[in-house]
N, C-alpha and C. Protein backbone atom coordinates (compact mmCIF):
# COMPACT_ATOMS: atom_id res chain seq x y z
N MET A 1 101.48 -1.99 -51.82
CA MET A 1 102.27 -1.09 -52.63
C MET A 1 101.36 0.04 -53.11
N PRO A 2 101.95 1.06 -53.66
CA PRO A 2 101.15 2.23 -54.02
C PRO A 2 100.41 2.07 -55.34
N LEU A 3 99.35 2.83 -55.42
CA LEU A 3 98.65 2.99 -56.68
C LEU A 3 99.44 3.97 -57.52
N ARG A 4 99.76 3.62 -58.76
CA ARG A 4 100.59 4.47 -59.59
C ARG A 4 99.81 5.58 -60.27
N ASP A 5 98.57 5.33 -60.66
CA ASP A 5 97.82 6.33 -61.40
C ASP A 5 96.34 6.17 -61.08
N ARG A 6 95.77 7.17 -60.41
CA ARG A 6 94.38 7.06 -60.01
C ARG A 6 93.41 7.29 -61.14
N ALA A 7 93.83 7.93 -62.22
CA ALA A 7 93.00 8.12 -63.41
C ALA A 7 91.64 8.74 -63.08
N ASN A 8 91.62 9.72 -62.19
CA ASN A 8 90.42 10.48 -61.82
C ASN A 8 89.38 9.70 -61.03
N PHE A 9 89.73 8.55 -60.51
CA PHE A 9 88.82 7.84 -59.63
C PHE A 9 88.99 8.35 -58.20
N THR A 10 87.92 8.34 -57.43
CA THR A 10 87.98 8.82 -56.05
C THR A 10 88.55 7.74 -55.13
N ASP A 11 88.95 8.16 -53.93
CA ASP A 11 89.44 7.20 -52.94
C ASP A 11 88.36 6.17 -52.60
N ASP A 12 87.09 6.61 -52.53
CA ASP A 12 86.00 5.67 -52.25
C ASP A 12 85.86 4.63 -53.35
N GLN A 13 86.00 5.04 -54.60
CA GLN A 13 85.93 4.10 -55.71
C GLN A 13 87.08 3.10 -55.66
N ILE A 14 88.26 3.58 -55.31
CA ILE A 14 89.42 2.70 -55.18
C ILE A 14 89.16 1.66 -54.10
N GLU A 15 88.61 2.09 -52.96
CA GLU A 15 88.31 1.15 -51.87
C GLU A 15 87.29 0.11 -52.29
N ILE A 16 86.26 0.52 -53.02
CA ILE A 16 85.24 -0.43 -53.51
C ILE A 16 85.88 -1.46 -54.43
N ALA A 17 86.75 -1.00 -55.34
CA ALA A 17 87.41 -1.92 -56.26
C ALA A 17 88.34 -2.87 -55.52
N LEU A 18 89.06 -2.36 -54.52
CA LEU A 18 89.93 -3.24 -53.73
C LEU A 18 89.11 -4.30 -53.02
N ASP A 19 87.97 -3.90 -52.44
CA ASP A 19 87.09 -4.88 -51.77
C ASP A 19 86.58 -5.91 -52.77
N ARG A 20 86.20 -5.47 -53.96
CA ARG A 20 85.68 -6.36 -55.00
C ARG A 20 86.73 -7.37 -55.45
N GLN A 21 87.99 -6.99 -55.38
CA GLN A 21 89.08 -7.85 -55.85
C GLN A 21 89.80 -8.57 -54.71
N THR A 22 89.17 -8.64 -53.55
CA THR A 22 89.79 -9.28 -52.40
C THR A 22 89.38 -10.75 -52.32
N PHE A 23 90.39 -11.62 -52.29
CA PHE A 23 90.22 -13.06 -52.15
C PHE A 23 91.16 -13.54 -51.07
N ASP A 24 90.72 -14.41 -50.22
CA ASP A 24 91.56 -14.96 -49.15
C ASP A 24 92.24 -13.87 -48.33
N GLY A 25 91.56 -12.73 -48.15
CA GLY A 25 92.09 -11.66 -47.33
C GLY A 25 93.04 -10.70 -48.02
N TYR A 26 93.31 -10.90 -49.32
CA TYR A 26 94.23 -10.05 -50.05
C TYR A 26 93.56 -9.49 -51.30
N ALA A 27 93.76 -8.20 -51.55
CA ALA A 27 93.33 -7.62 -52.83
C ALA A 27 94.28 -8.16 -53.89
N ARG A 28 93.70 -8.68 -54.96
CA ARG A 28 94.51 -9.36 -55.98
C ARG A 28 94.28 -8.77 -57.37
N CYS A 29 95.31 -8.89 -58.20
CA CYS A 29 95.19 -8.51 -59.61
C CYS A 29 94.19 -9.47 -60.25
N PRO A 30 93.22 -8.94 -61.00
CA PRO A 30 92.23 -9.83 -61.62
C PRO A 30 92.79 -10.66 -62.77
N CYS A 31 93.96 -10.30 -63.27
CA CYS A 31 94.55 -11.04 -64.39
C CYS A 31 95.46 -12.17 -63.92
N CYS A 32 96.45 -11.82 -63.10
CA CYS A 32 97.43 -12.83 -62.68
C CYS A 32 97.23 -13.29 -61.23
N GLU A 33 96.32 -12.63 -60.52
CA GLU A 33 95.96 -12.96 -59.14
C GLU A 33 97.07 -12.74 -58.12
N CYS A 34 98.10 -11.95 -58.48
CA CYS A 34 99.12 -11.62 -57.48
C CYS A 34 98.52 -10.68 -56.44
N SER A 35 99.07 -10.69 -55.24
CA SER A 35 98.60 -9.80 -54.19
C SER A 35 99.03 -8.37 -54.50
N LEU A 36 98.07 -7.45 -54.49
CA LEU A 36 98.37 -6.04 -54.77
C LEU A 36 99.12 -5.37 -53.63
N SER A 37 99.24 -6.04 -52.49
CA SER A 37 99.99 -5.46 -51.38
C SER A 37 101.49 -5.60 -51.58
N HIS A 38 101.92 -6.37 -52.57
CA HIS A 38 103.34 -6.61 -52.80
C HIS A 38 103.87 -6.06 -54.11
N VAL A 39 103.02 -5.43 -54.91
CA VAL A 39 103.44 -4.91 -56.22
C VAL A 39 102.79 -3.55 -56.46
N ASP A 40 103.35 -2.80 -57.40
CA ASP A 40 102.69 -1.57 -57.85
C ASP A 40 101.45 -1.96 -58.65
N TRP A 41 100.43 -1.12 -58.59
CA TRP A 41 99.21 -1.39 -59.34
C TRP A 41 98.65 -0.10 -59.90
N ASP A 42 97.77 -0.24 -60.87
CA ASP A 42 97.21 0.90 -61.59
C ASP A 42 95.69 0.89 -61.54
N ALA A 43 95.11 2.06 -61.78
CA ALA A 43 93.67 2.16 -62.01
C ALA A 43 93.45 2.03 -63.51
N HIS A 44 92.51 1.17 -63.89
CA HIS A 44 92.28 0.89 -65.30
C HIS A 44 90.80 1.02 -65.61
N HIS A 45 90.48 1.66 -66.74
CA HIS A 45 89.10 1.76 -67.21
C HIS A 45 88.79 0.49 -68.01
N ARG A 46 87.86 -0.32 -67.53
CA ARG A 46 87.54 -1.60 -68.16
C ARG A 46 87.17 -1.45 -69.62
N ASP A 47 86.42 -0.40 -69.95
CA ASP A 47 85.96 -0.24 -71.33
C ASP A 47 86.92 0.58 -72.18
N GLY A 48 88.04 1.01 -71.60
CA GLY A 48 89.03 1.78 -72.35
C GLY A 48 88.70 3.25 -72.49
N ASP A 49 87.53 3.68 -72.01
CA ASP A 49 87.08 5.06 -72.12
C ASP A 49 87.49 5.82 -70.86
N ARG A 50 88.51 6.66 -70.98
CA ARG A 50 89.03 7.39 -69.82
C ARG A 50 88.07 8.43 -69.26
N THR A 51 86.99 8.72 -69.98
CA THR A 51 86.00 9.66 -69.45
C THR A 51 84.91 8.94 -68.65
N ASN A 52 84.87 7.62 -68.73
CA ASN A 52 83.88 6.84 -67.99
C ASN A 52 84.46 6.46 -66.63
N ASN A 53 84.20 7.30 -65.63
CA ASN A 53 84.75 7.08 -64.30
C ASN A 53 83.75 6.43 -63.35
N ALA A 54 82.84 5.65 -63.89
CA ALA A 54 81.90 4.91 -63.05
C ALA A 54 82.66 3.85 -62.27
N THR A 55 82.25 3.61 -61.04
CA THR A 55 82.91 2.60 -60.21
C THR A 55 82.91 1.24 -60.89
N SER A 56 81.83 0.92 -61.59
CA SER A 56 81.75 -0.38 -62.28
C SER A 56 82.76 -0.49 -63.42
N ASN A 57 83.32 0.63 -63.85
CA ASN A 57 84.29 0.64 -64.94
C ASN A 57 85.73 0.60 -64.42
N LEU A 58 85.89 0.52 -63.13
CA LEU A 58 87.22 0.53 -62.50
C LEU A 58 87.69 -0.87 -62.17
N VAL A 59 88.91 -1.16 -62.56
CA VAL A 59 89.57 -2.39 -62.17
C VAL A 59 91.00 -2.03 -61.79
N LEU A 60 91.59 -2.76 -60.87
CA LEU A 60 92.93 -2.45 -60.37
C LEU A 60 93.88 -3.60 -60.68
N PRO A 61 94.47 -3.61 -61.88
CA PRO A 61 95.45 -4.64 -62.21
C PRO A 61 96.83 -4.27 -61.68
N CYS A 62 97.69 -5.27 -61.53
CA CYS A 62 99.07 -4.96 -61.18
C CYS A 62 99.69 -4.21 -62.36
N ALA A 63 100.75 -3.47 -62.10
CA ALA A 63 101.38 -2.65 -63.14
C ALA A 63 101.86 -3.50 -64.32
N ARG A 64 102.34 -4.72 -64.03
CA ARG A 64 102.82 -5.59 -65.10
C ARG A 64 101.69 -5.98 -66.05
N CYS A 65 100.57 -6.41 -65.50
CA CYS A 65 99.44 -6.80 -66.35
C CYS A 65 98.88 -5.58 -67.10
N HIS A 66 98.82 -4.44 -66.43
CA HIS A 66 98.32 -3.23 -67.09
C HIS A 66 99.23 -2.85 -68.24
N HIS A 67 100.52 -2.96 -68.06
CA HIS A 67 101.48 -2.66 -69.11
C HIS A 67 101.31 -3.62 -70.29
N GLU A 68 101.14 -4.89 -70.01
CA GLU A 68 100.98 -5.87 -71.08
C GLU A 68 99.71 -5.64 -71.88
N CYS A 69 98.68 -5.10 -71.23
CA CYS A 69 97.41 -4.83 -71.89
C CYS A 69 97.55 -3.69 -72.89
N TYR A 70 98.38 -2.69 -72.58
CA TYR A 70 98.48 -1.49 -73.41
C TYR A 70 99.83 -1.29 -74.07
N HIS A 71 100.77 -2.18 -73.84
CA HIS A 71 102.13 -2.01 -74.35
C HIS A 71 102.15 -1.93 -75.88
N GLN A 72 102.99 -1.04 -76.39
CA GLN A 72 103.12 -0.92 -77.83
C GLN A 72 104.02 -2.01 -78.38
N ARG A 73 103.64 -2.57 -79.51
CA ARG A 73 104.46 -3.55 -80.20
C ARG A 73 104.69 -3.04 -81.62
N ALA A 74 105.92 -3.07 -82.03
CA ALA A 74 106.30 -2.61 -83.38
C ALA A 74 105.79 -1.20 -83.63
N GLY A 75 105.82 -0.35 -82.58
CA GLY A 75 105.41 1.04 -82.73
C GLY A 75 103.92 1.27 -82.83
N LYS A 76 103.11 0.21 -82.70
CA LYS A 76 101.66 0.35 -82.79
C LYS A 76 101.04 0.06 -81.44
N PRO A 77 100.20 0.98 -80.93
CA PRO A 77 99.55 0.70 -79.65
C PRO A 77 98.60 -0.48 -79.78
N ARG A 78 98.58 -1.32 -78.77
CA ARG A 78 97.66 -2.45 -78.73
C ARG A 78 96.31 -1.96 -78.23
N MET A 79 95.27 -2.52 -78.76
CA MET A 79 93.93 -2.19 -78.28
C MET A 79 93.72 -2.87 -76.93
N PRO A 80 92.94 -2.24 -76.04
CA PRO A 80 92.69 -2.89 -74.75
C PRO A 80 92.00 -4.23 -74.96
N ARG A 81 92.48 -5.24 -74.26
CA ARG A 81 91.80 -6.53 -74.33
C ARG A 81 90.63 -6.49 -73.34
N ASP A 82 89.71 -7.39 -73.48
CA ASP A 82 88.60 -7.45 -72.54
C ASP A 82 89.15 -7.80 -71.17
N CYS A 83 88.75 -7.04 -70.19
CA CYS A 83 89.22 -7.29 -68.82
C CYS A 83 88.51 -8.50 -68.24
N VAL A 84 89.26 -9.34 -67.61
CA VAL A 84 88.68 -10.49 -66.92
C VAL A 84 88.63 -10.12 -65.44
N VAL A 85 87.48 -9.62 -65.02
CA VAL A 85 87.33 -9.16 -63.64
C VAL A 85 85.99 -9.60 -63.09
N LEU A 86 85.88 -9.51 -61.81
CA LEU A 86 84.60 -9.80 -61.18
C LEU A 86 83.60 -8.70 -61.50
N ALA A 87 82.39 -9.06 -61.70
CA ALA A 87 81.35 -8.07 -61.97
C ALA A 87 80.93 -7.38 -60.70
């Protein structure tokens, strides 16, 4: 499925992250482990700093997990939780 928001990461960085998150031949969400080939997914800054576009700061969660990480509750934005990803 498509990447919804590249967040200023390059295609090469996206490929590196996909390779880093590949298990059993499928790129997977690091949170729920669903196959990214079957769902929409997002580019996410691990440290929450949108100006830090280092490849090591890139993780590709499925759109559902990314939404849950940042979804507003009671009108207040939630702080990013620590990403559980491969180093």
